[in-house]
């Protein structure tokens, strides 16, 4: 079962996108997502979130999920991964 994660507020989602663009150097022309005939580029995320476009909640969900999924990867070095036990013939 997949863990629940908190949905970011619009302000938190905008801050996350700004971090991607500034700190991570994401290309503003790069496609963030596409569904149907709609293509959303990184440069379009902030205006769509701020004006509460119809897809804003879906975008907040995607940003929230992406943020939640990245967190465990940062702490992965805290876990010791051991190979599975070998079966005896």
N, C-alpha and C. Protein backbone atom coordinates (compact mmCIF):
# COMPACT_ATOMS: atom_id res chain seq x y z
N UNK A 1 0.84 -1.19 0.00
CA UNK A 1 0.00 0.00 0.00
C UNK A 1 0.88 1.25 0.00
N UNK A 2 0.55 2.18 -0.84
CA UNK A 2 1.33 3.39 -0.96
C UNK A 2 1.02 4.34 0.20
N UNK A 3 2.07 4.93 0.76
CA UNK A 3 1.87 5.87 1.86
C UNK A 3 1.23 7.15 1.36
N UNK A 4 0.41 7.73 2.21
CA UNK A 4 -0.18 9.02 1.89
C UNK A 4 0.87 10.10 2.10
N UNK A 5 0.78 11.17 1.37
CA UNK A 5 1.68 12.30 1.55
C UNK A 5 0.83 13.56 1.52
N UNK A 6 1.28 14.58 2.25
CA UNK A 6 0.49 15.81 2.32
C UNK A 6 0.54 16.58 1.00
N UNK A 7 -0.61 17.10 0.59
CA UNK A 7 -0.69 17.92 -0.60
C UNK A 7 -0.16 19.31 -0.28
N UNK A 8 0.79 19.77 -1.07
CA UNK A 8 1.38 21.10 -0.86
C UNK A 8 0.34 22.18 -1.12
N UNK A 9 0.47 23.28 -0.41
CA UNK A 9 -0.36 24.44 -0.71
C UNK A 9 0.16 25.05 -2.01
N UNK A 10 -0.61 25.96 -2.57
CA UNK A 10 -0.18 26.63 -3.79
C UNK A 10 1.15 27.34 -3.57
N UNK A 11 1.28 28.02 -2.42
CA UNK A 11 2.51 28.75 -2.12
C UNK A 11 3.71 27.80 -2.01
N UNK A 12 3.51 26.65 -1.37
CA UNK A 12 4.60 25.68 -1.24
C UNK A 12 4.98 25.09 -2.60
N UNK A 13 3.98 24.84 -3.44
CA UNK A 13 4.25 24.31 -4.77
C UNK A 13 5.02 25.32 -5.62
N UNK A 14 4.62 26.58 -5.53
CA UNK A 14 5.34 27.64 -6.27
C UNK A 14 6.77 27.73 -5.78
N UNK A 15 6.98 27.67 -4.47
CA UNK A 15 8.34 27.72 -3.92
C UNK A 15 9.17 26.53 -4.41
N UNK A 16 8.56 25.36 -4.49
CA UNK A 16 9.26 24.17 -4.98
C UNK A 16 9.67 24.34 -6.44
N UNK A 17 8.76 24.88 -7.27
CA UNK A 17 9.08 25.12 -8.68
C UNK A 17 10.19 26.16 -8.80
N UNK A 18 10.13 27.21 -8.00
CA UNK A 18 11.20 28.23 -8.04
C UNK A 18 12.54 27.60 -7.66
N UNK A 19 12.53 26.67 -6.71
CA UNK A 19 13.76 25.98 -6.31
C UNK A 19 14.29 25.15 -7.47
N UNK A 20 13.39 24.45 -8.16
CA UNK A 20 13.81 23.65 -9.31
C UNK A 20 14.49 24.54 -10.35
N UNK A 21 13.89 25.70 -10.61
CA UNK A 21 14.41 26.58 -11.64
C UNK A 21 15.71 27.26 -11.22
N UNK A 22 15.80 27.67 -9.96
CA UNK A 22 16.99 28.40 -9.50
C UNK A 22 18.09 27.45 -9.03
N UNK A 23 17.81 26.67 -8.02
CA UNK A 23 18.85 25.85 -7.39
C UNK A 23 19.24 24.64 -8.25
N UNK A 24 18.25 23.99 -8.86
CA UNK A 24 18.56 22.80 -9.64
C UNK A 24 18.80 23.10 -11.10
N UNK A 25 18.58 24.34 -11.51
CA UNK A 25 18.86 24.75 -12.88
C UNK A 25 18.01 24.05 -13.93
N UNK A 26 16.75 23.76 -13.59
CA UNK A 26 15.87 23.13 -14.57
C UNK A 26 15.66 24.07 -15.75
N UNK A 27 15.66 23.51 -16.92
CA UNK A 27 15.44 24.28 -18.14
C UNK A 27 13.97 24.70 -18.19
N UNK A 28 13.68 26.00 -18.21
CA UNK A 28 12.28 26.46 -18.22
C UNK A 28 11.50 25.96 -19.43
N UNK A 29 12.19 25.64 -20.52
CA UNK A 29 11.52 25.17 -21.73
C UNK A 29 11.25 23.66 -21.70
N UNK A 30 11.82 22.98 -20.71
CA UNK A 30 11.64 21.53 -20.61
C UNK A 30 10.19 21.23 -20.25
N UNK A 31 9.66 20.15 -20.79
CA UNK A 31 8.28 19.77 -20.52
C UNK A 31 8.20 19.13 -19.13
N UNK A 32 7.31 19.66 -18.30
CA UNK A 32 7.06 19.09 -16.97
C UNK A 32 6.10 17.91 -17.10
N UNK A 33 5.03 18.11 -17.85
CA UNK A 33 4.06 17.03 -18.05
C UNK A 33 3.26 17.30 -19.31
N UNK A 34 2.65 16.28 -19.80
CA UNK A 34 1.75 16.40 -20.93
C UNK A 34 0.64 15.40 -20.77
N UNK A 35 -0.56 15.81 -21.02
CA UNK A 35 -1.69 14.90 -20.99
C UNK A 35 -2.71 15.37 -22.01
N UNK A 36 -3.18 14.44 -22.83
CA UNK A 36 -4.07 14.82 -23.91
C UNK A 36 -3.33 15.75 -24.87
N UNK A 37 -3.98 16.83 -25.22
CA UNK A 37 -3.35 17.82 -26.10
C UNK A 37 -2.59 18.89 -25.32
N UNK A 38 -2.59 18.78 -23.99
CA UNK A 38 -1.96 19.80 -23.14
C UNK A 38 -0.52 19.44 -22.82
N UNK A 39 0.36 20.40 -23.00
CA UNK A 39 1.78 20.26 -22.62
C UNK A 39 2.10 21.40 -21.68
N UNK A 40 2.66 21.07 -20.52
CA UNK A 40 3.01 22.11 -19.54
C UNK A 40 4.52 22.12 -19.36
N UNK A 41 5.12 23.26 -19.64
CA UNK A 41 6.56 23.44 -19.48
C UNK A 41 6.84 24.02 -18.09
N UNK A 42 8.06 23.84 -17.63
CA UNK A 42 8.43 24.34 -16.30
C UNK A 42 8.13 25.84 -16.17
N UNK A 43 8.37 26.61 -17.24
CA UNK A 43 8.14 28.07 -17.16
C UNK A 43 6.67 28.41 -16.97
N UNK A 44 5.77 27.47 -17.32
CA UNK A 44 4.33 27.72 -17.19
C UNK A 44 3.75 27.31 -15.84
N UNK A 45 4.51 26.58 -15.05
CA UNK A 45 3.99 26.04 -13.80
C UNK A 45 3.55 27.13 -12.82
N UNK A 46 4.42 28.11 -12.58
CA UNK A 46 4.10 29.13 -11.58
C UNK A 46 2.85 29.92 -11.96
N UNK A 47 2.74 30.43 -13.21
CA UNK A 47 1.50 31.15 -13.56
C UNK A 47 0.25 30.28 -13.44
N UNK A 48 0.34 29.00 -13.83
CA UNK A 48 -0.83 28.11 -13.73
C UNK A 48 -1.21 27.88 -12.27
N UNK A 49 -0.23 27.68 -11.41
CA UNK A 49 -0.51 27.47 -9.99
C UNK A 49 -1.10 28.73 -9.36
N UNK A 50 -0.50 29.88 -9.67
CA UNK A 50 -0.92 31.13 -9.03
C UNK A 50 -2.33 31.56 -9.42
N UNK A 51 -2.72 31.31 -10.66
CA UNK A 51 -4.06 31.75 -11.06
C UNK A 51 -5.11 30.67 -10.83
N UNK A 52 -4.70 29.52 -10.26
CA UNK A 52 -5.66 28.48 -9.95
C UNK A 52 -6.31 27.89 -11.19
N UNK A 53 -5.50 27.66 -12.20
CA UNK A 53 -5.99 27.06 -13.44
C UNK A 53 -6.70 25.75 -13.13
N UNK A 54 -7.56 25.29 -14.03
CA UNK A 54 -8.30 24.04 -13.77
C UNK A 54 -7.40 22.85 -13.40
N UNK A 55 -6.21 22.82 -13.93
CA UNK A 55 -5.30 21.71 -13.65
C UNK A 55 -4.38 21.98 -12.47
N UNK A 56 -4.59 23.09 -11.75
CA UNK A 56 -3.69 23.47 -10.66
C UNK A 56 -3.65 22.41 -9.55
N UNK A 57 -4.78 21.84 -9.20
CA UNK A 57 -4.79 20.83 -8.15
C UNK A 57 -4.02 19.58 -8.58
N UNK A 58 -4.17 19.19 -9.84
CA UNK A 58 -3.43 18.06 -10.36
C UNK A 58 -1.92 18.35 -10.36
N UNK A 59 -1.56 19.58 -10.71
CA UNK A 59 -0.15 19.98 -10.67
C UNK A 59 0.38 19.95 -9.24
N UNK A 60 -0.41 20.46 -8.29
CA UNK A 60 0.01 20.43 -6.88
C UNK A 60 0.20 19.00 -6.42
N UNK A 61 -0.68 18.10 -6.85
CA UNK A 61 -0.56 16.69 -6.51
C UNK A 61 0.75 16.12 -7.07
N UNK A 62 1.04 16.41 -8.35
CA UNK A 62 2.27 15.90 -8.97
C UNK A 62 3.52 16.43 -8.29
N UNK A 63 3.53 17.72 -7.96
CA UNK A 63 4.68 18.33 -7.29
C UNK A 63 4.83 17.75 -5.88
N UNK A 64 3.71 17.60 -5.18
CA UNK A 64 3.74 17.03 -3.83
C UNK A 64 4.27 15.60 -3.86
N UNK A 65 3.79 14.81 -4.80
CA UNK A 65 4.21 13.42 -4.90
C UNK A 65 5.70 13.34 -5.25
N UNK A 66 6.13 14.16 -6.20
CA UNK A 66 7.55 14.17 -6.57
C UNK A 66 8.43 14.57 -5.41
N UNK A 67 8.00 15.52 -4.64
CA UNK A 67 8.77 15.97 -3.48
C UNK A 67 8.84 14.86 -2.43
N UNK A 68 7.71 14.19 -2.19
CA UNK A 68 7.68 13.10 -1.21
C UNK A 68 8.53 11.92 -1.65
N UNK A 69 8.55 11.64 -2.95
CA UNK A 69 9.31 10.50 -3.46
C UNK A 69 10.81 10.76 -3.40
N UNK A 70 11.23 12.00 -3.52
CA UNK A 70 12.67 12.33 -3.49
C UNK A 70 13.25 12.22 -2.09
N UNK A 71 12.46 12.48 -1.07
CA UNK A 71 12.98 12.48 0.30
C UNK A 71 13.64 11.17 0.71
N UNK A 72 13.01 10.00 0.49
CA UNK A 72 13.68 8.76 0.90
C UNK A 72 15.01 8.54 0.19
N UNK A 73 15.13 8.99 -1.04
CA UNK A 73 16.37 8.80 -1.79
C UNK A 73 17.54 9.52 -1.11
N UNK A 74 17.27 10.66 -0.52
CA UNK A 74 18.33 11.40 0.16
C UNK A 74 18.82 10.65 1.39
N UNK A 75 17.93 9.96 2.08
CA UNK A 75 18.29 9.23 3.28
C UNK A 75 18.68 7.79 3.01
N UNK A 76 18.75 7.40 1.74
CA UNK A 76 19.02 6.01 1.40
C UNK A 76 20.35 5.52 1.96
N UNK A 77 21.30 6.41 2.10
CA UNK A 77 22.60 5.97 2.61
C UNK A 77 22.53 5.58 4.09
N UNK A 78 21.43 5.89 4.74
CA UNK A 78 21.27 5.49 6.13
C UNK A 78 20.91 4.02 6.26
N UNK A 79 20.45 3.43 5.17
CA UNK A 79 20.05 2.03 5.19
C UNK A 79 21.18 1.16 4.67
N UNK A 80 21.33 0.02 5.29
CA UNK A 80 22.32 -0.93 4.83
C UNK A 80 21.59 -2.00 4.03
N UNK A 81 21.95 -2.13 2.79
CA UNK A 81 21.30 -3.10 1.93
C UNK A 81 22.13 -4.37 1.90
N UNK A 82 21.51 -5.47 2.23
CA UNK A 82 22.20 -6.75 2.26
C UNK A 82 21.60 -7.65 1.19
N UNK A 83 22.44 -8.48 0.58
CA UNK A 83 21.91 -9.41 -0.44
C UNK A 83 20.99 -10.42 0.22
N UNK A 84 20.03 -10.98 -0.55
CA UNK A 84 19.15 -11.98 0.05
C UNK A 84 19.93 -13.22 0.44
N UNK A 85 19.46 -13.97 1.42
CA UNK A 85 20.17 -15.19 1.82
C UNK A 85 20.17 -16.20 0.69
N UNK A 86 21.26 -16.88 0.56
CA UNK A 86 21.38 -17.87 -0.52
C UNK A 86 20.74 -19.18 -0.08
N UNK A 87 19.99 -19.77 -1.00
CA UNK A 87 19.35 -21.03 -0.71
C UNK A 87 20.37 -22.16 -0.84
N UNK A 88 20.25 -23.12 0.03
CA UNK A 88 21.13 -24.28 -0.06
C UNK A 88 20.53 -25.28 -1.00
N UNK A 89 21.39 -25.94 -1.85
CA UNK A 89 20.86 -26.91 -2.81
C UNK A 89 20.37 -28.18 -2.15
